[in-house]
Structures are given as C-alpha cells and as structure tokens.
Protein backbone atom coordinates (compact mmCIF):
# COMPACT_ATOMS: atom_id res chain seq x y z
CA UNK A 1 -32.21 14.71 69.41
CA UNK A 2 -28.07 15.73 68.32
CA UNK A 3 -28.96 17.83 65.14
CA UNK A 4 -32.34 19.35 63.20
CA UNK A 5 -32.46 17.98 59.47
CA UNK A 6 -35.00 19.62 57.10
CA UNK A 7 -36.56 16.88 56.05
CA UNK A 8 -37.98 13.95 57.88
CA UNK A 9 -39.26 10.33 55.82
CA UNK A 10 -41.59 8.17 57.91
CA UNK A 11 -41.69 4.36 56.14
CA UNK A 12 -46.02 4.43 56.11
CA UNK A 13 -45.70 1.33 57.68
CA UNK A 14 -44.07 2.89 60.64
CA UNK A 15 -47.71 4.05 61.49
CA UNK A 16 -49.95 1.21 61.82
CA UNK A 17 -47.25 0.42 64.22
CA UNK A 18 -47.86 1.68 67.74
CA UNK A 19 -44.84 1.00 69.55
CA UNK A 20 -42.85 2.67 65.93
CA UNK A 21 -45.06 4.72 65.79
CA UNK A 22 -44.58 6.53 68.89
CA UNK A 23 -41.05 6.46 68.30
CA UNK A 24 -41.62 8.56 64.70
CA UNK A 25 -43.79 11.35 66.69
CA UNK A 26 -41.08 11.35 69.55
CA UNK A 27 -38.28 11.92 66.76
CA UNK A 28 -40.74 14.18 64.53
CA UNK A 29 -41.18 16.48 67.88
CA UNK A 30 -37.93 17.18 68.36
CA UNK A 31 -37.02 18.12 64.89
CA UNK A 32 -39.79 21.34 64.85
CA UNK A 33 -38.90 22.91 61.74
CA UNK A 34 -38.67 19.92 59.73
CA UNK A 35 -40.75 18.78 57.09
CA UNK A 36 -42.33 15.22 57.40
CA UNK A 37 -42.92 13.20 54.14
CA UNK A 38 -44.82 9.06 54.37
CA UNK A 39 -43.27 7.04 51.82
CA UNK A 40 -43.33 3.68 50.28
CA UNK A 41 -40.73 1.10 49.12
CA UNK A 42 -41.95 2.02 46.27
CA UNK A 43 -41.64 6.10 46.05
CA UNK A 44 -37.69 5.07 47.87
CA UNK A 45 -36.31 5.00 44.12
CA UNK A 46 -37.77 8.45 43.16
CA UNK A 47 -36.61 10.01 46.79
CA UNK A 48 -32.96 9.00 46.33
CA UNK A 49 -32.75 10.30 43.19
CA UNK A 50 -34.53 13.64 44.46
CA UNK A 51 -32.33 13.90 47.59
CA UNK A 52 -28.85 12.53 45.26
CA UNK A 53 -28.14 10.37 48.28
CA UNK A 54 -25.13 7.81 48.10
CA UNK A 55 -22.57 10.28 45.76
CA UNK A 56 -20.74 12.17 48.63
CA UNK A 57 -17.35 10.86 49.60
CA UNK A 58 -16.03 12.18 52.76
CA UNK A 59 -17.60 14.64 54.60
CA UNK A 60 -13.95 16.69 54.88
CA UNK A 61 -14.35 16.51 50.64
CA UNK A 62 -17.11 19.32 50.45
CA UNK A 63 -18.05 23.08 51.41
CA UNK A 64 -20.51 22.46 53.33
CA UNK A 65 -21.74 19.37 54.95
CA UNK A 66 -25.94 19.83 55.87
CA UNK A 67 -27.48 17.77 58.93
CA UNK A 68 -28.34 14.01 57.50
CA UNK A 69 -31.64 13.45 56.15
CA UNK A 70 -33.90 10.70 58.82
CA UNK A 71 -35.34 8.26 57.29
CA UNK A 72 -37.85 6.16 59.76
CA UNK A 73 -38.05 2.94 59.22
CA UNK A 74 -39.20 -0.85 60.36
CA UNK A 75 -36.93 -4.24 60.43
CA UNK A 76 -37.80 -7.30 58.70
CA UNK A 77 -37.14 -10.34 58.88
CA UNK A 78 -37.45 -11.66 55.88
CA UNK A 79 -34.36 -12.22 53.88
CA UNK A 80 -35.61 -13.15 50.76
CA UNK A 81 -38.15 -10.36 50.96
CA UNK A 82 -35.23 -7.46 51.65
CA UNK A 83 -33.39 -8.93 48.75
CA UNK A 84 -35.94 -8.95 46.45
CA UNK A 85 -36.86 -5.69 47.46
CA UNK A 86 -33.63 -4.38 48.08
CA UNK A 87 -32.48 -5.56 44.00
CA UNK A 88 -35.80 -3.91 42.53
CA UNK A 89 -35.10 -0.34 44.33
CA UNK A 90 -31.38 -0.28 43.01
CA UNK A 91 -32.40 -1.04 39.50
CA UNK A 92 -34.97 1.87 39.87
CA UNK A 93 -32.48 3.68 40.66
CA UNK A 94 -29.12 2.47 38.96
CA UNK A 95 -27.16 6.32 39.10
CA UNK A 96 -27.15 5.63 42.91
CA UNK A 97 -26.05 2.05 43.40
CA UNK A 98 -24.01 3.30 46.61
CA UNK A 99 -27.32 3.68 48.38
CA UNK A 100 -27.31 1.24 51.78
CA UNK A 101 -30.77 -0.62 49.88
CA UNK A 102 -30.60 -3.00 52.27
CA UNK A 103 -30.62 -0.86 54.93
CA UNK A 104 -33.60 0.98 54.07
CA UNK A 105 -35.30 -2.37 52.62
CA UNK A 106 -35.28 -3.50 56.42
CA UNK A 107 -32.67 -5.65 56.53
CA UNK A 108 -28.82 -5.41 58.22
CA UNK A 109 -30.26 -6.17 61.47
CA UNK A 110 -27.54 -8.58 62.67
CA UNK A 111 -24.48 -8.50 60.17
CA UNK A 112 -22.05 -11.42 60.67
CA UNK A 113 -18.31 -10.32 60.86
CA UNK A 114 -14.99 -12.06 59.16
CA UNK A 115 -12.83 -9.29 58.34
CA UNK A 116 -13.57 -10.27 54.55
CA UNK A 117 -11.86 -13.71 55.54
CA UNK A 118 -14.75 -16.64 55.34
CA UNK A 119 -12.09 -18.90 56.38
CA UNK A 120 -12.26 -17.46 59.74
CA UNK A 121 -8.51 -17.00 60.44
CA UNK A 122 -6.79 -13.89 60.60
CA UNK A 123 -6.52 -11.31 57.78
CA UNK A 124 -3.07 -10.09 57.23
CA UNK A 125 -4.04 -6.08 56.51
CA UNK A 126 -6.75 -6.66 59.24
CA UNK A 127 -6.65 -8.79 62.80
CA UNK A 128 -9.98 -7.81 63.58
CA UNK A 129 -13.08 -10.30 65.66
CA UNK A 130 -15.37 -12.68 63.33
CA UNK A 131 -18.42 -12.32 65.15
CA UNK A 132 -22.23 -10.52 64.59
CA UNK A 133 -22.86 -7.32 64.94
CA UNK A 134 -26.00 -5.69 65.64
CA UNK A 135 -27.32 -2.22 64.57
CA UNK A 136 -30.02 -0.34 64.39
CA UNK A 137 -30.38 1.39 61.41
CA UNK A 138 -26.72 3.36 59.94
CA UNK A 139 -25.96 7.37 58.66
CA UNK A 140 -24.73 9.56 61.16
CA UNK A 141 -24.48 13.49 62.20
CA UNK A 142 -20.79 13.60 63.23
CA UNK A 143 -19.63 14.83 60.10
CA UNK A 144 -16.28 13.36 61.27
CA UNK A 145 -13.59 14.78 58.10
CA UNK A 146 -12.92 11.38 57.08
CA UNK A 147 -16.02 9.32 56.94
CA UNK A 148 -18.78 9.24 54.61
CA UNK A 149 -21.43 8.07 56.66
CA UNK A 150 -23.39 11.44 56.61
CA UNK A 151 -26.04 12.19 53.91
CA UNK A 152 -28.76 10.37 55.50
CA UNK A 153 -29.26 8.46 58.31
CA UNK A 154 -31.36 5.87 58.33
CA UNK A 155 -33.49 4.49 61.87
CA UNK A 156 -35.23 1.48 62.31
CA UNK A 157 -38.37 2.14 65.16
CA UNK A 158 -39.57 -2.00 65.70
CA UNK A 159 -37.29 -1.86 68.37
CA UNK A 160 -39.23 -4.45 70.27
CA UNK A 161 -39.43 -7.49 67.76
CA UNK A 162 -35.66 -7.04 67.12
CA UNK A 163 -35.28 -7.73 70.76
CA UNK A 164 -37.66 -10.59 70.18
CA UNK A 165 -35.62 -11.70 66.73
CA UNK A 166 -32.38 -10.54 68.97
CA UNK A 167 -32.94 -12.80 72.32
CA UNK A 168 -33.17 -16.12 69.15
CA UNK A 169 -30.01 -14.94 67.95
CA UNK A 170 -28.26 -14.91 71.25
CA UNK A 171 -29.60 -18.72 71.90
CA UNK A 172 -28.32 -19.60 68.89
CA UNK A 173 -25.04 -18.07 69.93
CA UNK A 174 -23.49 -19.03 73.12
CA UNK A 175 -20.06 -18.85 72.69
CA UNK A 176 -20.46 -15.20 71.69
CA UNK A 177 -20.24 -12.71 74.98
CA UNK A 178 -19.95 -9.48 74.06
CA UNK A 179 -22.46 -7.37 71.37
CA UNK A 180 -21.27 -4.34 69.11
CA UNK A 181 -23.94 -1.97 68.38
CA UNK A 182 -23.42 0.12 66.46
CA UNK A 183 -20.47 0.41 63.76
CA UNK A 184 -22.40 1.81 61.48
CA UNK A 185 -24.24 4.79 63.11
CA UNK A 186 -23.92 6.55 66.47
CA UNK A 187 -26.57 5.15 68.27
CA UNK A 188 -26.92 9.02 71.10
CA UNK A 189 -27.56 11.32 67.89
CA UNK A 190 -31.45 10.66 67.75
CA UNK A 191 -32.04 9.54 71.66
CA UNK A 192 -33.40 10.04 73.86
CA UNK A 193 -36.33 10.45 71.60
CA UNK A 194 -36.15 6.79 70.24
CA UNK A 195 -35.55 5.05 72.77
CA UNK A 196 -33.93 2.54 71.13
CA UNK A 197 -30.80 2.37 73.96
CA UNK A 198 -33.14 1.89 77.09
CA UNK A 199 -34.99 -1.75 76.37
CA UNK A 200 -31.71 -2.72 74.51
CA UNK A 201 -29.68 -2.32 77.77
CA UNK A 202 -32.32 -3.86 79.67
CA UNK A 203 -32.65 -6.58 77.35
CA UNK A 204 -28.66 -7.58 77.89
CA UNK A 205 -28.90 -7.10 81.84
CA UNK A 206 -31.50 -10.01 81.97
CA UNK A 207 -29.45 -12.34 80.52
CA UNK A 208 -26.94 -12.43 83.26
CA UNK A 209 -24.09 -13.23 81.31
CA UNK A 210 -24.47 -11.59 77.69
CA UNK A 211 -22.26 -7.59 77.12
CA UNK A 212 -24.40 -4.81 74.78
CA UNK A 213 -20.86 -2.74 73.79
CA UNK A 214 -21.96 0.24 72.60
CA UNK A 215 -19.57 2.81 70.77
CA UNK A 216 -20.10 6.48 70.05
CA UNK A 217 -18.25 9.87 69.97
CA UNK A 218 -20.88 11.59 71.57
CA UNK A 219 -20.58 13.69 74.83
CA UNK A 220 -23.89 13.29 75.75
CA UNK A 221 -24.87 10.21 79.03
CA UNK A 222 -28.01 11.06 80.60
CA UNK A 223 -29.81 9.08 78.43
CA UNK A 224 -27.41 5.86 79.00
CA UNK A 225 -27.98 6.79 82.54
CA UNK A 226 -31.63 7.04 82.52
CA UNK A 227 -32.04 3.47 81.34
CA UNK A 228 -31.59 2.75 84.94
CA UNK A 229 -30.02 -1.02 83.79
CA UNK A 230 -25.74 -0.68 83.71
CA UNK A 231 -25.20 -4.34 84.70
CA UNK A 232 -24.57 -5.90 81.29
CA UNK A 233 -23.65 -2.60 79.28
CA UNK A 234 -20.07 -1.66 78.26
CA UNK A 235 -19.33 1.70 76.46
CA UNK A 236 -16.44 1.91 74.59
CA UNK A 237 -15.75 5.61 74.05
CA UNK A 238 -13.89 6.77 70.50
CA UNK A 239 -11.39 9.30 72.17
CA UNK A 240 -9.32 11.87 69.97
CA UNK A 241 -7.12 14.37 70.73
CA UNK A 242 -8.32 17.95 71.62
CA UNK A 243 -7.88 19.78 67.62
CA UNK A 244 -9.14 16.05 65.81
CA UNK A 245 -12.52 16.41 68.19
CA UNK A 246 -12.94 19.66 67.44
CA UNK A 247 -11.81 19.70 63.79
CA UNK A 248 -11.41 16.99 62.30
CA UNK A 249 -14.93 15.19 64.22
CA UNK A 250 -16.56 19.09 64.25
CA UNK A 251 -20.01 17.67 65.57
CA UNK A 252 -19.36 14.97 68.03
CA UNK A 253 -18.07 15.62 71.86
CA UNK A 254 -14.57 17.43 72.36
CA UNK A 255 -12.73 14.87 74.12
CA UNK A 256 -12.70 16.83 77.34
CA UNK A 257 -17.05 15.67 76.76
CA UNK A 258 -15.89 12.48 76.31
CA UNK A 259 -14.27 11.80 79.07
CA UNK A 260 -16.65 13.26 81.19
CA UNK A 261 -19.61 11.39 79.61
CA UNK A 262 -17.55 8.06 80.63
CA UNK A 263 -16.66 9.34 84.00
CA UNK A 264 -20.72 10.21 84.05
CA UNK A 265 -21.19 6.94 83.27
CA UNK A 266 -19.11 5.28 85.05
CA UNK A 267 -20.14 6.40 88.18
CA UNK A 268 -23.53 4.72 87.44
CA UNK A 269 -21.67 1.45 87.68
CA UNK A 270 -21.17 0.79 83.81
CA UNK A 271 -18.31 -0.57 82.38
CA UNK A 272 -16.69 2.05 80.60
CA UNK A 273 -13.42 1.54 78.04
CA UNK A 274 -12.06 3.40 75.79
CA UNK A 275 -10.53 3.71 71.50
CA UNK A 276 -7.78 5.94 70.78
CA UNK A 277 -9.15 5.71 66.95
CA UNK A 278 -8.76 6.82 64.35
CA UNK A 279 -5.21 8.26 65.46
CA UNK A 280 -5.45 11.68 62.66
CA UNK A 281 -1.21 12.47 63.20
CA UNK A 282 -2.28 16.29 63.82
CA UNK A 283 0.62 19.32 64.41
CA UNK A 284 1.53 18.73 68.06
CA UNK A 285 -0.25 15.33 68.31
CA UNK A 286 2.30 13.79 70.41
CA UNK A 287 1.65 16.04 73.42
CA UNK A 288 -2.21 16.19 72.80
CA UNK A 289 -1.50 12.48 72.32
CA UNK A 290 0.08 12.34 76.04
CA UNK A 291 -2.36 14.88 77.15
CA UNK A 292 -5.45 12.97 75.74
CA UNK A 293 -4.49 10.07 77.17
CA UNK A 294 -3.89 11.65 80.74
CA UNK A 295 -6.75 13.43 81.20
CA UNK A 296 -8.82 10.09 80.65
CA UNK A 297 -6.90 7.54 83.01
CA UNK A 298 -7.08 10.73 85.79
CA UNK A 299 -10.43 10.87 85.61
CA UNK A 300 -11.65 7.75 84.81
CA UNK A 301 -10.48 4.09 84.93
CA UNK A 302 -11.58 1.67 82.16
CA UNK A 303 -11.41 -1.53 82.09
CA UNK A 304 -9.01 -1.99 78.27
CA UNK A 305 -7.95 0.72 75.84
CA UNK A 306 -7.63 -0.08 72.00
CA UNK A 307 -4.68 1.76 69.52
CA UNK A 308 -5.81 2.53 65.55
CA UNK A 309 -4.49 5.33 63.47
CA UNK A 310 -6.45 6.64 61.02
CA UNK A 311 -6.75 3.55 57.44
CA UNK A 312 -8.68 2.57 54.91
CA UNK A 313 -7.44 5.61 52.19
CA UNK A 314 -5.07 6.77 49.87
CA UNK A 315 -2.86 9.47 50.00
CA UNK A 316 -5.02 11.30 48.02
CA UNK A 317 -8.27 10.88 50.09
CA UNK A 318 -6.15 12.24 52.96
CA UNK A 319 -5.45 15.80 51.47
CA UNK A 320 -8.28 16.33 49.93
CA UNK A 321 -10.60 15.01 53.17
CA UNK A 322 -8.36 16.74 55.98
CA UNK A 323 -6.34 20.60 55.75
CA UNK A 324 -2.87 19.56 54.85
CA UNK A 325 -2.25 22.42 57.07
CA UNK A 326 -3.90 20.19 59.89
CA UNK A 327 -1.48 17.38 59.52
CA UNK A 328 2.06 16.94 61.15
CA UNK A 329 4.12 17.70 57.76
CA UNK A 330 6.67 14.67 59.06
CA UNK A 331 3.49 12.14 58.51
CA UNK A 332 2.01 13.77 55.67
CA UNK A 333 5.25 13.27 53.76
CA UNK A 334 5.58 9.76 54.52
CA UNK A 335 2.45 9.35 52.85
CA UNK A 336 3.39 10.74 50.04
CA UNK A 337 7.15 8.72 50.00
CA UNK A 338 5.19 5.83 49.74
CA UNK A 339 1.76 6.52 47.12
CA UNK A 340 2.28 3.11 45.71
CA UNK A 341 2.84 0.41 48.54
CA UNK A 342 0.48 2.23 50.69
CA UNK A 343 -2.31 2.44 47.83
CA UNK A 344 -3.11 -1.47 48.16
CA UNK A 345 -3.65 -2.18 51.60
CA UNK A 346 -6.05 -2.03 54.06
CA UNK A 347 -3.85 -0.02 56.64
CA UNK A 348 -2.99 3.24 54.09
CA UNK A 349 -2.27 6.14 54.08
CA UNK A 350 0.44 5.67 56.49
CA UNK A 351 3.08 3.18 55.90
CA UNK A 352 4.10 0.85 59.22
CA UNK A 353 7.73 3.13 60.11
CA UNK A 354 5.29 6.10 61.00
CA UNK A 355 1.71 4.30 62.33
CA UNK A 356 4.51 2.18 64.95
CA UNK A 357 6.00 5.24 66.34
CA UNK A 358 2.53 6.93 67.26
CA UNK A 359 1.62 3.85 68.64
CA UNK A 360 4.68 3.13 70.86
CA UNK A 361 4.12 6.99 72.10
CA UNK A 362 0.26 5.76 72.97
CA UNK A 363 1.83 3.44 74.54
CA UNK A 364 5.07 4.75 76.60
CA UNK A 365 1.97 7.45 77.93
CA UNK A 366 -0.66 4.77 78.62
CA UNK A 367 1.90 3.01 80.42
CA UNK A 368 3.56 6.08 82.32
CA UNK A 369 0.27 6.61 83.68
CA UNK A 370 -1.26 2.94 83.89
CA UNK A 371 1.14 0.77 83.86
CA UNK A 372 -1.26 -3.10 84.21
CA UNK A 373 -4.29 -1.69 81.34
CA UNK A 374 -4.67 -4.22 79.18
CA UNK A 375 -3.58 -2.00 75.96
CA UNK A 376 -3.87 -3.30 72.00
CA UNK A 377 -3.54 -2.43 68.15
CA UNK A 378 -7.05 -2.63 66.50
CA UNK A 379 -7.71 -3.65 62.81
CA UNK A 380 -4.15 -3.62 62.69
CA UNK A 381 -1.52 -5.47 60.15
CA UNK A 382 -0.08 -8.85 60.98
CA UNK A 383 3.29 -7.68 60.56
CA UNK A 384 2.53 -4.62 63.11
CA UNK A 385 1.51 -7.03 65.60
CA UNK A 386 4.85 -8.87 64.98
CA UNK A 387 6.25 -5.66 65.55
CA UNK A 388 3.89 -4.59 68.57
CA UNK A 389 3.00 -7.46 70.44
CA UNK A 390 5.68 -8.19 72.15
CA UNK A 391 5.64 -5.48 73.84
CA UNK A 392 1.31 -4.74 74.44
CA UNK A 393 1.90 -8.99 76.23
CA UNK A 394 -0.63 -10.57 73.96
CA UNK A 395 -0.50 -11.81 70.39
CA UNK A 396 -3.94 -11.76 67.44
CA UNK A 397 -5.22 -15.06 69.34
CA UNK A 398 -5.40 -13.49 72.44
CA UNK A 399 -5.37 -10.02 72.84
CA UNK A 400 -9.29 -8.43 74.34
CA UNK A 401 -10.28 -6.31 72.14
CA UNK A 402 -12.92 -2.27 73.15
CA UNK A 403 -15.45 -4.43 71.37
CA UNK A 404 -14.60 -7.54 69.98
CA UNK A 405 -16.80 -11.36 70.82
CA UNK A 406 -14.67 -12.16 73.84
CA UNK A 407 -14.35 -9.17 75.57
CA UNK A 408 -16.29 -9.23 78.92
CA UNK A 409 -15.45 -6.74 81.33
CA UNK A 410 -12.17 -6.87 82.90
CA UNK A 411 -10.98 -9.59 81.07
CA UNK A 412 -7.13 -9.56 79.94
CA UNK A 413 -6.54 -12.51 77.99
CA UNK A 414 -8.69 -14.64 75.73
CA UNK A 415 -8.59 -17.92 77.02
CA UNK A 416 -10.22 -19.79 73.30
CA UNK A 417 -9.44 -19.21 70.05
CA UNK A 418 -11.78 -16.37 68.90
CA UNK A 419 -11.70 -18.11 65.14
CA UNK A 420 -12.49 -21.58 66.37
CA UNK A 421 -15.35 -20.22 68.35
CA UNK A 422 -16.61 -18.43 65.97
CA UNK A 423 -17.22 -21.38 63.54
CA UNK A 424 -20.08 -21.86 65.89
CA UNK A 425 -21.85 -19.07 64.34
CA UNK A 426 -25.23 -19.41 63.75
CA UNK A 427 -28.07 -17.06 62.29
CA UNK A 428 -31.36 -16.06 64.89
CA UNK A 429 -33.07 -18.79 63.00
CA UNK A 430 -30.93 -21.69 63.61
CA UNK A 431 -28.61 -21.23 60.52
CA UNK A 432 -24.75 -21.92 59.40
CA UNK A 433 -23.34 -17.66 59.77
CA UNK A 434 -20.83 -19.63 57.31
CA UNK A 435 -21.78 -21.28 54.65
CA UNK A 436 -19.57 -24.72 53.93
CA UNK A 437 -17.07 -23.75 50.82
CA UNK A 438 -18.47 -24.67 47.79
CA UNK A 439 -16.73 -28.23 46.30
CA UNK A 440 -14.64 -28.29 43.03
C-alpha cells in the first residue's frame, strides 16, 4: 500500500461478504499500526463529525496533511436506497455536507458525465467528452497542493458484484468503447492488497472491443503488470515536470518515476499515454517542460498526449494553495491583473494569453521530438480551441483525448460526433442516461 493511516473504518456488512472481507483483511494487514473500527451507516454521521471530514480546502492550504483515513464499504445497486440513506445521514450531520455521503452510502459506481450540459453539446468553458465514468470510491493520498481529496478514502470492496453490473452497463452502451477509471481517486493507492485492478483488467480483456483507461500519477507499475491482462487496458499518466512532481504533488511518483512505470507497462504490452495535466507554471517551467517531454518521448511511445494548464480556481485560491515563490512571477502577476475576469470562469486563474503561451511551448517541444503524435488540449474552452485548433489539426468534435469515450488505442481522429453518440447512453438497467427534457 502507498500510505499508512492511523485508523481504518470497515463497514460491518463487509465482513459478511467473503470476497470483500478478504480484501478488507489484506488492506488492514498492510496497515499494522492502524486501529480497525467497524461501523454501520447509522454510525457514520457521528464518525464524520468526530473526524471532521469534508471541511478542508486544497491540501496546499494546510500546514500539515496527514494520510487519508480509509473507509472500506460495499456498493449497493439500488439508487433509491442510496439516495434515501445518503440524505438521512447528511441531515444527521448538517455541518459536514461536503462529505461524499452518496459514495459512503454505496452509490456513485457509474457516473454519467456531460460537462455540466445535459443537452449534450460542447460546453464553451469546458470541452470534454460525454460518457460513463466508472468508480470504486473517492479520495487520494497524494497530497497535491491544488486538490481537496485528501481527508479520507472511500473504497468499495464487492468487486465481483460491481463487475457483473458493469457488464450490463457495457451491454446497454455499445457506442462507448473506452471507460475511464477513476477520476475521483488514484486506484493504485491500495494495490495490490485491494485487488481491484486485476479482475477489472481481465474483465475488459474478455470484452474484446472495450477498453479500461486507468488514470494515475503513481510510479508503481507492478500491480498492473502482474495482472497479466494487457490487451484491453490503457494507462494514462498525469505527467508533470520535476519541480511540480516533487513539491506541488509531494506524495506522487516523480516525473522520472512515472515515465519509468509507463515504460514497464509498455514493455508488458499495455497501451500508454500521457496527460500533461495540470500544468503549473513554476519557475523555469519552460526548461522543465522541454526536459519532461524529451524524457517521456525518448523512453516510451505513447499513442496520444493531452495538455491542460491548472484551472478550476481563483487567483486567491492559487496563492493560498501553492507557495508564490514556486511560481513563475510573470504568470502569477497575470492572475492578479485579471482577477475579476478569471473569477467567473472554469479556466481560471490564468488568462487565455498565458495558457496559450504554455500550450504552444509544449506543442513545440513535442513536435521537435515527434511530429506525428496526436496532441490535444483537455477540458479547455471553445475560445482556446479557436486559438489552437488549427495547429493541433483537430476540432472539438474530432480530437482523440487521453480518456474520452472513443479514445481507442492508436486512433488519430474521431469519425462520429461524441455528443451524438452519447445520446444513446443508457444506465446499467437500460434506462436513458439523460432524462428527457421537461415540457413547460
């Protein structure tokens, strides 16, 4: 395991499920100094209040960040029961409404993602692929300065039951070929004790034409290689420069460590790709960007690359979570000159000109090393696509990204509109993923 928590909470029902109990025992055994506490959903509001979960901001705003506390539970494939119990627990602990009660109640196994626009069209501030995303929990031990997922880690253990329902979700959604796992946690953190990745990888290999996309910042390759099922797995590494990987993302793998893990997975026959995401413009970011691109592309052969500058915050939040002395002062000043403009958009705190300059530097470094590899901007605005699209050689409707619904290995461009494809989306039990619009 990647971290050593002082306590582990285990849902009492876990001990009644043979496969889940085996996983729980392995995880607890890997934390020899941790106190193991069993709980029920009725107990959880008091536990959340005692632990004070859900009240943190970004990790970088704290003087000290302890390891997250594992909460080991079970998925419940009854949406109404999950909603009812989550709301009951939330009302019992109103001061902690930011805690993920829905996940703790056994929900959020499969999440329908539409970039905040139910009409299935490009969001002007956030161009991203509509799709099902799959989860086994939420939380992370990596302590990235800009992230708020560090207090607890909910991980559900009934993997075999999960895969049975996932098989139904795939059956009802033949249009979706690639499946992102996971955007709410780094699934490598509890491996190999969790033993979630090997059965998932074997399941996707059995489908022949569907692909699991594992998103990670880890430098640990062995649990994935040891699964022995490389054919239908893609691993997308978030890759950052040396300073960022060591000081802004302190418990992740270093840049060099992530590339080495990618090389090991590539040698095992697994398709790899990189997301330079989120790019934090630290001092000397240009030199570090070029070095990082050269390191990645000289040691491995990814099939595509994505670029995203740090977003989703105001200038005040940036300065609160990342030490100003680490940042390029020109870029820091750019956030201060446009605080009102960038405070109301998802692409803040860096203005368009600043982000574009970063993208163009990365693109130049990539093209110097590999003129042909597909490159895209990820979760960016339509304005940035108007600036960069011609040089990227794709449009918001045709680009292939690191984790989109049609991002199969080796593909250079989409042949159909991802928003039109997603109109066919259905839940695991065959209901429409997007409810029809209400009349009136």
